[in-house]
């Protein structure tokens, strides 16, 4: 209540009464406050950045929020603004220049911003970790960027079965709190990835064989709705919206807190074995992915990420089997097919902890480059994996001299164990059932340096996806699912969830956001309409 009273006190400087219901502002109240704010500017009581005229649009939104909540808004050329702009992973996002950046310290500030952008018709973006690849994913040119970095609580329940996590946290922040207590949650595998985007898009984890994806392990979401209200969304309170948030991205509200199921977890055995590419090694490791996908139910502690990459410094292709076993037991039988091929040129296999493992993944994914991700899903088959490797190499080899090019093709099993958790609490929105599995999720990830190479890189990635899908469907091995967190802007994510689930998502959007705030004023990322 104290934070709410503080906000009312600030707005009360206008001498007006702010309407509030359930500690929530209303759009009528914010409209009145903005009108009064403009009067104060007009009669000279307040100065703004626009010296010659009254602010409008996003300039008005930024000026008003800055007045109501001083110290939480930053403008271009300020140290705070530049610092927050530097916290994006991809070059494409870091070069978006919003009119201002707003870093609310509580959900009420988010509520004020949501209502203000509607009154001023200011387009906005919302940032959790800022790991999206393409421009506009969580930043915006000329609009308002709501940066959730101050919403960084990590609170473990008394019985240690739930952790409340603010949306501004990176996963390493969460693990730093949980790990000393021998606990964990289902979250990201790269230290700097944000809690919000990963969880709303699905969220693969090192422990997904036992518990499913991150979206399957949220007990309650704290959500700011389009009407400015702040509500607790769970399977029991809003089952339709709870379903939509499990894979539906940023289409339904701004999540300010995730209450995550928490479980005991100590050290684990993990690392990678790296090889120079040969047809024999590739075939052996692709077979190993196929075999693990079939046999994972016998030991759901084992997981793998198989990556192919062109290494410019060597002028050669390499492949790396990155294995994880959820216990501190070396060389478990379930992963033996990935560790026995001869000829490894490097190995990092060791007992480690989750924080160290995510930091090592982070170090292998440096920021600041031009980035593109694309994705597809196929049925379990070593044949299609071999074919897609060949396609990728055929597309990349002609451009392998692009400056600082690092192209990777990544295979990850979606086992029946993982899929079995997708149906918890009414199911998630992803459109995958146990009858569909096992599947293999494929990610194309490419980084490079120069704008002059953009067209060639995007063409190679897009061609790989088109050819791979055509080949898979021709063999009866295609599957429509498109993983949101790996998708390119050009891909139709929600169509890949299936017609029935897309219809559900659209119905939820219309029910809770009849004016289309998240569809029209928040244009970035993937939309259900």
Protein backbone atom coordinates (compact mmCIF):
# COMPACT_ATOMS: atom_id res chain seq x y z
CA UNK A 1 0.00 0.00 0.00
CA UNK A 2 2.89 2.36 0.72
CA UNK A 3 4.07 2.47 -2.89
CA UNK A 4 0.53 3.15 -4.07
CA UNK A 5 0.08 6.01 -1.61
CA UNK A 6 3.39 7.47 -2.79
CA UNK A 7 2.18 7.43 -6.39
CA UNK A 8 -1.10 9.05 -5.41
CA UNK A 9 0.79 11.71 -3.47
CA UNK A 10 2.91 12.54 -6.50
CA UNK A 11 -0.11 12.76 -8.76
CA UNK A 12 -1.90 14.71 -6.06
CA UNK A 13 0.40 17.65 -6.81
CA UNK A 14 -2.21 18.50 -9.42
CA UNK A 15 -4.76 19.04 -6.67
CA UNK A 16 -6.99 16.36 -8.20
CA UNK A 17 -8.36 13.15 -6.76
CA UNK A 18 -7.03 10.06 -8.53
CA UNK A 19 -9.62 7.35 -8.98
CA UNK A 20 -8.35 4.00 -7.76
CA UNK A 21 -9.81 0.55 -7.44
CA UNK A 22 -7.94 -2.30 -5.76
CA UNK A 23 -4.79 -0.15 -5.60
CA UNK A 24 -4.95 0.36 -9.37
CA UNK A 25 -5.10 3.50 -11.49
CA UNK A 26 -7.77 3.92 -14.13
CA UNK A 27 -7.50 5.36 -17.61
CA UNK A 28 -10.03 8.09 -16.75
CA UNK A 29 -7.88 9.18 -13.83
CA UNK A 30 -4.68 9.22 -15.90
CA UNK A 31 -6.44 11.16 -18.68
CA UNK A 32 -7.45 13.82 -16.15
CA UNK A 33 -3.94 13.97 -14.73
CA UNK A 34 -2.37 14.37 -18.15
CA UNK A 35 -4.82 17.17 -19.00
CA UNK A 36 -3.88 18.93 -15.79
CA UNK A 37 -0.20 18.31 -16.48
CA UNK A 38 -0.54 20.06 -19.86
CA UNK A 39 -2.27 23.02 -18.22
CA UNK A 40 0.62 23.38 -15.79
CA UNK A 41 3.07 23.42 -18.71
CA UNK A 42 0.94 25.89 -20.65
CA UNK A 43 0.74 28.41 -17.83
CA UNK A 44 4.47 28.16 -17.20
CA UNK A 45 4.37 26.25 -13.93
CA UNK A 46 6.39 23.37 -15.40
CA UNK A 47 9.23 23.21 -17.89
CA UNK A 48 9.66 20.29 -20.30
CA UNK A 49 12.21 19.24 -22.87
CA UNK A 50 10.00 20.79 -25.59
CA UNK A 51 10.59 24.46 -24.98
CA UNK A 52 8.58 25.86 -27.91
CA UNK A 53 5.39 23.77 -27.81
CA UNK A 54 3.31 21.43 -25.73
CA UNK A 55 4.54 17.83 -25.82
CA UNK A 56 2.44 15.27 -27.68
CA UNK A 57 2.54 11.54 -28.26
CA UNK A 58 5.55 9.79 -26.80
CA UNK A 59 7.15 13.08 -25.75
CA UNK A 60 4.08 13.76 -23.64
CA UNK A 61 4.06 10.21 -22.26
CA UNK A 62 7.72 10.44 -21.26
CA UNK A 63 7.36 13.91 -19.73
CA UNK A 64 4.28 12.95 -17.75
CA UNK A 65 5.73 9.71 -16.36
CA UNK A 66 8.96 11.54 -15.55
CA UNK A 67 6.98 14.12 -13.56
CA UNK A 68 4.84 11.53 -11.78
CA UNK A 69 7.73 9.17 -10.99
CA UNK A 70 10.94 11.20 -10.97
CA UNK A 71 14.18 9.30 -11.25
CA UNK A 72 12.67 6.39 -13.16
CA UNK A 73 12.72 7.90 -16.68
CA UNK A 74 15.87 8.48 -18.71
CA UNK A 75 16.32 10.43 -21.93
CA UNK A 76 18.85 10.24 -24.79
CA UNK A 77 22.37 11.43 -23.99
CA UNK A 78 21.99 10.63 -20.30
CA UNK A 79 24.25 8.10 -18.62
CA UNK A 80 21.28 6.02 -17.44
CA UNK A 81 19.75 5.90 -20.93
CA UNK A 82 23.04 4.84 -22.51
CA UNK A 83 23.62 2.21 -19.84
CA UNK A 84 20.20 0.66 -20.36
CA UNK A 85 20.65 0.76 -24.13
CA UNK A 86 23.94 -1.12 -23.71
CA UNK A 87 22.18 -4.04 -22.01
CA UNK A 88 20.87 -5.55 -25.25
CA UNK A 89 22.54 -8.63 -26.65
CA UNK A 90 22.00 -8.05 -30.36
CA UNK A 91 23.35 -5.03 -32.22
CA UNK A 92 19.97 -4.69 -33.96
CA UNK A 93 18.21 -4.01 -30.66
CA UNK A 94 20.88 -1.79 -29.15
CA UNK A 95 20.58 0.68 -32.03
CA UNK A 96 16.85 1.29 -31.54
CA UNK A 97 16.45 4.73 -29.93
CA UNK A 98 13.28 5.24 -27.89
CA UNK A 99 12.10 8.73 -26.98
CA UNK A 100 12.75 7.72 -23.39
CA UNK A 101 13.30 4.66 -21.25
CA UNK A 102 11.20 4.00 -18.15
CA UNK A 103 12.50 1.69 -15.40
CA UNK A 104 9.59 1.26 -12.96
CA UNK A 105 10.41 0.18 -9.42
CA UNK A 106 7.07 -1.56 -8.83
CA UNK A 107 4.05 -2.86 -10.77
CA UNK A 108 2.11 0.33 -10.12
CA UNK A 109 4.61 2.19 -12.24
CA UNK A 110 4.02 -0.31 -15.03
CA UNK A 111 0.28 0.28 -14.64
CA UNK A 112 0.76 4.04 -14.97
CA UNK A 113 2.81 3.54 -18.13
CA UNK A 114 0.25 1.18 -19.68
CA UNK A 115 -2.51 3.74 -19.19
CA UNK A 116 -0.36 6.69 -20.24
CA UNK A 117 0.57 5.18 -23.60
CA UNK A 118 -3.12 4.65 -24.32
CA UNK A 119 -4.02 8.26 -23.53
CA UNK A 120 -1.10 9.61 -25.57
CA UNK A 121 -1.19 6.91 -28.28
CA UNK A 122 2.51 6.26 -27.79
CA UNK A 123 3.91 2.99 -29.10
CA UNK A 124 6.02 1.09 -26.61
CA UNK A 125 8.21 -1.95 -26.02
CA UNK A 126 8.89 -3.99 -22.89
CA UNK A 127 12.31 -5.36 -21.95
CA UNK A 128 13.10 -8.14 -19.50
CA UNK A 129 16.57 -9.41 -20.42
CA UNK A 130 16.91 -7.91 -23.90
CA UNK A 131 18.15 -11.08 -25.61
CA UNK A 132 15.88 -10.86 -28.64
CA UNK A 133 17.70 -10.87 -31.97
CA UNK A 134 15.85 -8.44 -34.20
CA UNK A 135 15.10 -4.73 -33.98
CA UNK A 136 11.94 -3.94 -32.04
CA UNK A 137 11.76 -7.17 -30.08
CA UNK A 138 12.14 -5.39 -26.72
CA UNK A 139 13.20 -1.90 -27.76
CA UNK A 140 11.59 0.67 -30.03
CA UNK A 141 12.59 3.60 -32.21
CA UNK A 142 10.80 6.80 -31.25
CA UNK A 143 8.56 5.18 -28.64
CA UNK A 144 8.66 4.37 -24.94
CA UNK A 145 10.71 1.41 -23.73
CA UNK A 146 9.59 -0.01 -20.39
CA UNK A 147 12.70 -1.62 -18.93
CA UNK A 148 11.84 -3.99 -16.09
CA UNK A 149 15.38 -4.23 -14.71
CA UNK A 150 14.36 -2.79 -11.30
CA UNK A 151 11.75 -5.53 -10.81
CA UNK A 152 14.45 -7.87 -9.55
CA UNK A 153 13.11 -9.60 -6.45
CA UNK A 154 13.97 -13.26 -5.85
CA UNK A 155 12.02 -14.55 -2.85
CA UNK A 156 11.92 -18.20 -1.79
CA UNK A 157 8.82 -19.41 0.02
CA UNK A 158 9.12 -20.67 3.59
CA UNK A 159 8.61 -24.28 2.49
CA UNK A 160 11.08 -23.83 -0.39
CA UNK A 161 8.64 -25.08 -3.01
CA UNK A 162 8.15 -21.75 -4.81
CA UNK A 163 10.35 -18.81 -5.79
CA UNK A 164 8.84 -15.43 -6.67
CA UNK A 165 10.96 -13.85 -9.37
CA UNK A 166 10.68 -10.32 -10.71
CA UNK A 167 10.60 -10.05 -14.49
CA UNK A 168 13.70 -7.88 -14.60
CA UNK A 169 15.99 -10.65 -13.41
CA UNK A 170 18.47 -12.49 -15.54
CA UNK A 171 18.59 -16.22 -14.91
CA UNK A 172 22.02 -16.02 -13.32
CA UNK A 173 20.55 -13.66 -10.70
CA UNK A 174 17.95 -16.28 -9.84
CA UNK A 175 20.41 -19.15 -9.68
CA UNK A 176 22.77 -17.12 -7.48
CA UNK A 177 20.04 -17.01 -4.82
CA UNK A 178 18.82 -20.59 -5.17
CA UNK A 179 22.05 -22.49 -5.59
CA UNK A 180 23.47 -21.99 -2.05
CA UNK A 181 20.24 -23.51 -0.73
CA UNK A 182 20.46 -26.57 -2.97
CA UNK A 183 17.42 -25.44 -4.98
CA UNK A 184 16.58 -24.61 -8.57
CA UNK A 185 13.78 -23.71 -10.96
CA UNK A 186 13.16 -24.39 -14.62
CA UNK A 187 14.88 -21.50 -16.36
CA UNK A 188 17.36 -20.39 -18.95
CA UNK A 189 20.67 -21.99 -19.85
CA UNK A 190 22.52 -18.77 -20.68
CA UNK A 191 23.33 -16.50 -17.74
CA UNK A 192 22.28 -13.14 -19.23
CA UNK A 193 18.94 -14.22 -20.71
CA UNK A 194 15.97 -12.55 -19.01
CA UNK A 195 13.30 -14.34 -17.03
CA UNK A 196 10.35 -12.78 -18.84
CA UNK A 197 10.94 -13.46 -22.52
CA UNK A 198 12.23 -16.98 -22.07
CA UNK A 199 9.32 -18.06 -19.85
CA UNK A 200 6.55 -16.50 -21.94
CA UNK A 201 7.96 -18.12 -25.09
CA UNK A 202 8.32 -21.64 -23.70
CA UNK A 203 11.68 -21.91 -22.01
CA UNK A 204 13.96 -24.94 -22.32
CA UNK A 205 16.02 -25.93 -19.29
CA UNK A 206 18.79 -28.34 -18.36
CA UNK A 207 16.16 -30.11 -16.24
CA UNK A 208 13.27 -30.21 -18.73
CA UNK A 209 13.32 -34.01 -18.98
CA UNK A 210 12.09 -34.14 -15.39
CA UNK A 211 9.89 -31.04 -15.23
CA UNK A 212 9.06 -29.72 -18.71
CA UNK A 213 9.72 -26.21 -19.98
CA UNK A 214 9.67 -22.99 -17.96
CA UNK A 215 6.12 -22.16 -19.04
CA UNK A 216 4.98 -25.45 -17.46
CA UNK A 217 6.41 -24.51 -14.08
CA UNK A 218 4.83 -21.13 -13.33
CA UNK A 219 2.32 -21.32 -10.47
CA UNK A 220 1.16 -17.71 -10.70
CA UNK A 221 1.82 -14.72 -12.92
CA UNK A 222 1.48 -11.16 -11.64
CA UNK A 223 0.16 -9.32 -14.70
CA UNK A 224 -0.59 -5.70 -15.54
CA UNK A 225 -3.69 -5.82 -17.75
CA UNK A 226 -4.50 -3.39 -20.55
CA UNK A 227 -6.97 -1.59 -18.26
CA UNK A 228 -4.15 -0.91 -15.80
CA UNK A 229 -5.30 -3.42 -13.21
CA UNK A 230 -2.74 -5.68 -11.56
CA UNK A 231 -3.93 -9.24 -11.12
CA UNK A 232 -2.70 -12.64 -10.00
CA UNK A 233 -3.18 -15.09 -12.86
CA UNK A 234 -3.16 -18.80 -12.11
CA UNK A 235 -4.90 -21.92 -13.30
CA UNK A 236 -7.57 -21.40 -10.63
CA UNK A 237 -8.15 -17.64 -11.14
CA UNK A 238 -7.95 -17.09 -14.91
CA UNK A 239 -7.49 -20.51 -16.56
CA UNK A 240 -7.87 -19.19 -20.12
CA UNK A 241 -5.32 -16.44 -19.64
CA UNK A 242 -3.03 -18.80 -17.74
CA UNK A 243 -3.12 -21.09 -20.78
CA UNK A 244 -2.32 -18.20 -23.13
CA UNK A 245 0.64 -16.99 -21.07
CA UNK A 246 2.22 -20.44 -21.38
CA UNK A 247 3.81 -19.79 -24.77
CA UNK A 248 1.77 -16.79 -25.93
CA UNK A 249 4.53 -14.19 -25.62
CA UNK A 250 3.78 -10.51 -25.04
CA UNK A 251 0.21 -10.53 -26.35
CA UNK A 252 -1.76 -10.48 -23.11
CA UNK A 253 -0.23 -8.12 -20.58
CA UNK A 254 3.02 -7.21 -18.89
CA UNK A 255 4.11 -9.89 -16.45
CA UNK A 256 5.88 -8.28 -13.51
CA UNK A 257 6.43 -11.40 -11.38
CA UNK A 258 6.60 -15.15 -11.92
CA UNK A 259 5.97 -17.56 -9.04
CA UNK A 260 8.05 -20.56 -10.08
CA UNK A 261 7.83 -24.15 -8.86
CA UNK A 262 11.06 -24.89 -6.99
CA UNK A 263 12.81 -28.22 -6.45
CA UNK A 264 16.01 -29.58 -4.86
CA UNK A 265 19.00 -29.53 -7.19
CA UNK A 266 22.71 -29.80 -6.49
CA UNK A 267 25.70 -30.15 -8.74
CA UNK A 268 25.46 -31.77 -12.16
CA UNK A 269 27.78 -33.29 -14.73
CA UNK A 270 28.03 -31.31 -17.93
CA UNK A 271 30.25 -29.94 -20.63
CA UNK A 272 31.09 -30.41 -24.28
CA UNK A 273 33.15 -32.57 -26.59
CA UNK A 274 34.21 -30.82 -29.78
CA UNK A 275 35.30 -32.42 -33.06
CA UNK A 276 36.40 -31.28 -36.47
CA UNK A 277 33.64 -32.22 -38.88
CA UNK A 278 33.75 -35.54 -40.68
CA UNK A 279 30.85 -37.36 -42.27
CA UNK A 280 31.43 -40.30 -39.93
CA UNK A 281 31.40 -38.21 -36.74
CA UNK A 282 28.35 -36.28 -37.87
CA UNK A 283 26.46 -39.47 -38.64
CA UNK A 284 27.41 -41.00 -35.28
CA UNK A 285 26.27 -37.98 -33.30
CA UNK A 286 23.07 -37.52 -35.30
CA UNK A 287 22.31 -41.17 -34.57
CA UNK A 288 23.01 -40.46 -30.91
CA UNK A 289 20.35 -37.68 -30.89
CA UNK A 290 17.85 -40.09 -32.44
CA UNK A 291 18.68 -42.81 -29.89
CA UNK A 292 18.45 -40.43 -26.91
CA UNK A 293 15.08 -39.18 -28.07
CA UNK A 294 13.76 -42.75 -28.02
CA UNK A 295 15.43 -43.86 -24.80
CA UNK A 296 15.13 -40.71 -22.67
CA UNK A 297 12.28 -42.16 -20.55
CA UNK A 298 14.76 -44.64 -19.08
CA UNK A 299 16.75 -41.75 -17.57
CA UNK A 300 15.26 -38.24 -17.89
CA UNK A 301 18.31 -36.67 -16.23
CA UNK A 302 20.25 -36.74 -19.51
CA UNK A 303 20.04 -34.01 -22.16
CA UNK A 304 22.10 -32.86 -25.13
CA UNK A 305 22.59 -29.90 -27.46
CA UNK A 306 24.32 -30.91 -30.70
CA UNK A 307 25.78 -27.96 -32.61
CA UNK A 308 27.47 -27.63 -36.01
CA UNK A 309 29.45 -24.46 -36.73
CA UNK A 310 31.84 -23.03 -39.29
CA UNK A 311 34.97 -21.76 -37.53
CA UNK A 312 36.63 -19.02 -39.57
CA UNK A 313 39.88 -19.13 -37.62
CA UNK A 314 40.36 -22.77 -38.68
CA UNK A 315 38.68 -22.46 -42.06
CA UNK A 316 36.74 -25.63 -41.23
CA UNK A 317 33.51 -27.00 -39.87
CA UNK A 318 33.32 -28.32 -36.34
CA UNK A 319 30.65 -29.98 -34.23
CA UNK A 320 30.12 -30.05 -30.51
CA UNK A 321 28.06 -32.35 -28.30
CA UNK A 322 27.07 -30.33 -25.24
CA UNK A 323 25.77 -32.83 -22.71
CA UNK A 324 24.11 -32.30 -19.34
CA UNK A 325 23.26 -34.83 -16.67
CA UNK A 326 21.26 -33.62 -13.69
CA UNK A 327 23.35 -35.49 -11.13
CA UNK A 328 27.09 -35.21 -10.30
CA UNK A 329 27.75 -38.56 -12.00
CA UNK A 330 30.30 -38.73 -14.80
CA UNK A 331 29.69 -40.54 -18.09
CA UNK A 332 26.16 -41.83 -17.45
CA UNK A 333 25.04 -44.59 -19.83
CA UNK A 334 22.18 -42.48 -21.24
CA UNK A 335 24.76 -40.07 -22.73
CA UNK A 336 27.45 -42.58 -23.71
CA UNK A 337 26.76 -42.27 -27.44
CA UNK A 338 27.85 -38.62 -27.28
CA UNK A 339 31.09 -39.22 -25.42
CA UNK A 340 32.50 -42.31 -27.13
CA UNK A 341 33.22 -41.09 -30.71
CA UNK A 342 37.02 -40.82 -31.10
CA UNK A 343 38.93 -37.76 -32.19
CA UNK A 344 37.63 -35.03 -29.89
CA UNK A 345 39.82 -31.93 -30.13
CA UNK A 346 38.53 -30.41 -26.88
CA UNK A 347 36.50 -31.52 -23.87
CA UNK A 348 35.09 -29.61 -20.91
CA UNK A 349 33.19 -32.49 -19.29
CA UNK A 350 33.19 -32.10 -15.50
CA UNK A 351 31.03 -31.91 -12.41
CA UNK A 352 29.85 -28.31 -12.11
CA UNK A 353 27.02 -26.19 -10.76
CA UNK A 354 24.19 -24.45 -12.56
CA UNK A 355 25.55 -20.92 -12.18
CA UNK A 356 28.96 -21.85 -13.60
CA UNK A 357 27.36 -23.78 -16.44
CA UNK A 358 25.11 -20.88 -17.49
CA UNK A 359 28.06 -18.51 -17.34
CA UNK A 360 30.06 -20.81 -19.62
CA UNK A 361 27.16 -20.85 -22.08
CA UNK A 362 27.00 -17.06 -21.83
CA UNK A 363 30.70 -16.74 -22.63
CA UNK A 364 30.19 -18.71 -25.82
CA UNK A 365 27.38 -16.31 -26.87
CA UNK A 366 29.03 -12.85 -26.82
CA UNK A 367 26.87 -9.81 -27.47
CA UNK A 368 27.27 -6.80 -29.70
CA UNK A 369 27.09 -8.56 -33.07
CA UNK A 370 24.44 -8.55 -35.75
CA UNK A 371 22.33 -11.62 -34.97
CA UNK A 372 19.67 -13.73 -36.59
CA UNK A 373 17.88 -16.82 -35.32
CA UNK A 374 15.56 -19.09 -37.32
CA UNK A 375 13.92 -22.34 -36.33
CA UNK A 376 11.99 -25.41 -37.42
CA UNK A 377 10.90 -28.68 -35.85
CA UNK A 378 11.12 -32.19 -37.33
CA UNK A 379 10.17 -35.68 -36.31
CA UNK A 380 12.81 -37.94 -34.82
CA UNK A 381 15.09 -39.24 -37.58
CA UNK A 382 18.87 -39.28 -38.11
CA UNK A 383 18.30 -39.15 -41.86
CA UNK A 384 16.66 -35.73 -41.79
CA UNK A 385 19.37 -34.43 -39.47
CA UNK A 386 22.08 -35.51 -41.93
CA UNK A 387 20.17 -33.89 -44.78
CA UNK A 388 19.75 -30.60 -42.91
CA UNK A 389 23.44 -30.48 -42.03
CA UNK A 390 24.25 -30.81 -45.73
CA UNK A 391 21.75 -28.09 -46.63
CA UNK A 392 23.16 -25.71 -44.03
CA UNK A 393 26.71 -26.24 -45.22
CA UNK A 394 25.65 -25.68 -48.84
CA UNK A 395 24.08 -22.34 -47.87
CA UNK A 396 26.89 -21.15 -45.60
CA UNK A 397 29.98 -22.19 -47.58
CA UNK A 398 29.49 -19.50 -50.29
CA UNK A 399 29.43 -16.75 -47.63
CA UNK A 400 31.98 -18.16 -45.19
CA UNK A 401 34.30 -15.16 -45.64
CA UNK A 402 31.73 -12.70 -44.23
CA UNK A 403 33.50 -10.67 -41.54
CA UNK A 404 33.26 -12.31 -38.09
CA UNK A 405 30.74 -14.83 -39.39
CA UNK A 406 29.77 -17.46 -36.83
CA UNK A 407 27.00 -19.71 -38.19
CA UNK A 408 25.61 -22.52 -36.05
CA UNK A 409 23.08 -25.26 -36.67
CA UNK A 410 21.76 -26.68 -33.39
CA UNK A 411 19.75 -29.85 -32.72
CA UNK A 412 17.86 -30.39 -29.44
CA UNK A 413 15.62 -33.35 -28.63
CA UNK A 414 12.07 -32.71 -27.45
CA UNK A 415 11.57 -36.03 -25.68
CA UNK A 416 8.31 -37.62 -24.68
CA UNK A 417 9.29 -36.94 -21.06
CA UNK A 418 9.46 -33.23 -21.80
CA UNK A 419 6.20 -33.25 -23.75
CA UNK A 420 4.38 -35.10 -20.97
CA UNK A 421 4.63 -31.96 -18.82
CA UNK A 422 3.05 -29.73 -21.47
CA UNK A 423 -0.42 -30.87 -20.36
CA UNK A 424 -0.09 -29.81 -16.71
CA UNK A 425 -2.78 -27.47 -15.36
CA UNK A 426 -4.85 -27.34 -18.51
CA UNK A 427 -1.95 -27.48 -20.94
CA UNK A 428 0.28 -24.92 -22.58
CA UNK A 429 -0.35 -23.14 -25.87
CA UNK A 430 2.45 -24.73 -27.91
CA UNK A 431 0.35 -27.30 -29.73
CA UNK A 432 2.50 -30.38 -29.03
CA UNK A 433 1.11 -33.57 -27.51
CA UNK A 434 2.76 -36.83 -26.48
CA UNK A 435 1.30 -38.41 -29.63
CA UNK A 436 3.53 -36.07 -31.67
CA UNK A 437 6.80 -36.97 -30.00
CA UNK A 438 9.59 -37.39 -29.84
CA UNK A 439 10.64 -34.37 -31.90
CA UNK A 440 13.84 -32.50 -32.68
CA UNK A 441 13.98 -28.71 -32.35
CA UNK A 442 16.38 -27.07 -34.81
CA UNK A 443 17.89 -23.63 -34.37
CA UNK A 444 19.90 -21.68 -36.92
CA UNK A 445 21.94 -19.01 -35.15
CA UNK A 446 24.23 -16.68 -37.09
CA UNK A 447 26.25 -13.67 -35.98
CA UNK A 448 28.34 -11.30 -38.12
CA UNK A 449 29.65 -7.72 -38.14
CA UNK A 450 28.83 -5.66 -41.24
CA UNK A 451 25.55 -4.27 -42.57
CA UNK A 452 26.76 -4.89 -46.10
CA UNK A 453 26.52 -8.63 -45.40
CA UNK A 454 22.98 -8.56 -44.03
CA UNK A 455 21.25 -9.62 -47.23
CA UNK A 456 23.58 -12.56 -47.84
CA UNK A 457 23.28 -13.84 -44.27
CA UNK A 458 19.50 -13.52 -44.12
CA UNK A 459 19.20 -15.26 -47.50
CA UNK A 460 21.37 -18.18 -46.35
CA UNK A 461 19.34 -18.61 -43.15
CA UNK A 462 15.97 -18.28 -44.88
CA UNK A 463 16.99 -20.66 -47.66
CA UNK A 464 18.14 -23.23 -45.11
CA UNK A 465 14.77 -23.14 -43.35
CA UNK A 466 12.79 -23.36 -46.60
CA UNK A 467 14.88 -26.22 -47.98
CA UNK A 468 14.97 -28.08 -44.65
CA UNK A 469 11.21 -27.89 -44.22
CA UNK A 470 10.61 -28.99 -47.80
CA UNK A 471 12.96 -31.94 -47.35
CA UNK A 472 11.42 -32.94 -44.03
CA UNK A 473 7.84 -32.83 -45.28
CA UNK A 474 8.82 -34.74 -48.43
CA UNK A 475 10.07 -37.53 -46.15
CA UNK A 476 7.00 -37.40 -43.91
CA UNK A 477 9.14 -35.93 -41.12
CA UNK A 478 7.96 -32.31 -41.05
CA UNK A 479 6.24 -30.77 -38.03
CA UNK A 480 4.62 -27.30 -37.83
CA UNK A 481 5.79 -26.11 -34.40
CA UNK A 482 7.88 -22.92 -34.48
CA UNK A 483 9.66 -22.17 -31.21
CA UNK A 484 9.07 -18.51 -30.43
CA UNK A 485 12.36 -17.92 -28.63
CA UNK A 486 14.35 -19.03 -31.69
CA UNK A 487 12.11 -17.63 -34.42
CA UNK A 488 12.97 -14.99 -36.98
CA UNK A 489 10.54 -12.10 -37.35
CA UNK A 490 9.62 -13.49 -40.78
CA UNK A 491 8.28 -16.74 -39.28
CA UNK A 492 4.61 -17.23 -38.36
CA UNK A 493 5.06 -18.50 -34.82
CA UNK A 494 1.45 -18.85 -33.71
CA UNK A 495 0.27 -20.55 -36.88
CA UNK A 496 2.74 -23.26 -35.90
CA UNK A 497 0.78 -23.84 -32.68
CA UNK A 498 -2.14 -25.17 -34.72
CA UNK A 499 -5.45 -23.61 -35.73
CA UNK A 500 -7.26 -24.56 -32.52
CA UNK A 501 -4.65 -23.05 -30.22
CA UNK A 502 -4.32 -19.92 -32.33
CA UNK A 503 -8.10 -19.46 -32.10
CA UNK A 504 -7.87 -19.82 -28.31
CA UNK A 505 -5.09 -17.25 -28.11
CA UNK A 506 -7.06 -14.78 -30.22
CA UNK A 507 -10.16 -15.28 -28.09
CA UNK A 508 -8.17 -14.60 -24.91
CA UNK A 509 -6.65 -11.49 -26.49
CA UNK A 510 -10.08 -10.12 -27.42
CA UNK A 511 -11.50 -10.91 -23.98
CA UNK A 512 -8.80 -9.26 -21.87
CA UNK A 513 -7.63 -6.60 -24.33
CA UNK A 514 -10.69 -5.56 -26.38
CA UNK A 515 -8.98 -2.36 -27.57
CA UNK A 516 -5.95 -4.26 -28.85
CA UNK A 517 -3.37 -2.40 -26.78
CA UNK A 518 -0.81 -5.20 -26.94
CA UNK A 519 -1.45 -5.71 -30.66
CA UNK A 520 -1.40 -2.06 -31.80
CA UNK A 521 0.61 0.01 -29.34
CA UNK A 522 3.18 -2.69 -28.60
CA UNK A 523 4.12 -3.62 -32.18
CA UNK A 524 7.29 -5.57 -31.45
CA UNK A 525 7.79 -9.32 -31.35
CA UNK A 526 5.22 -11.92 -32.46
CA UNK A 527 1.51 -11.11 -32.54
CA UNK A 528 -1.55 -13.36 -32.46
CA UNK A 529 -3.36 -11.03 -34.88
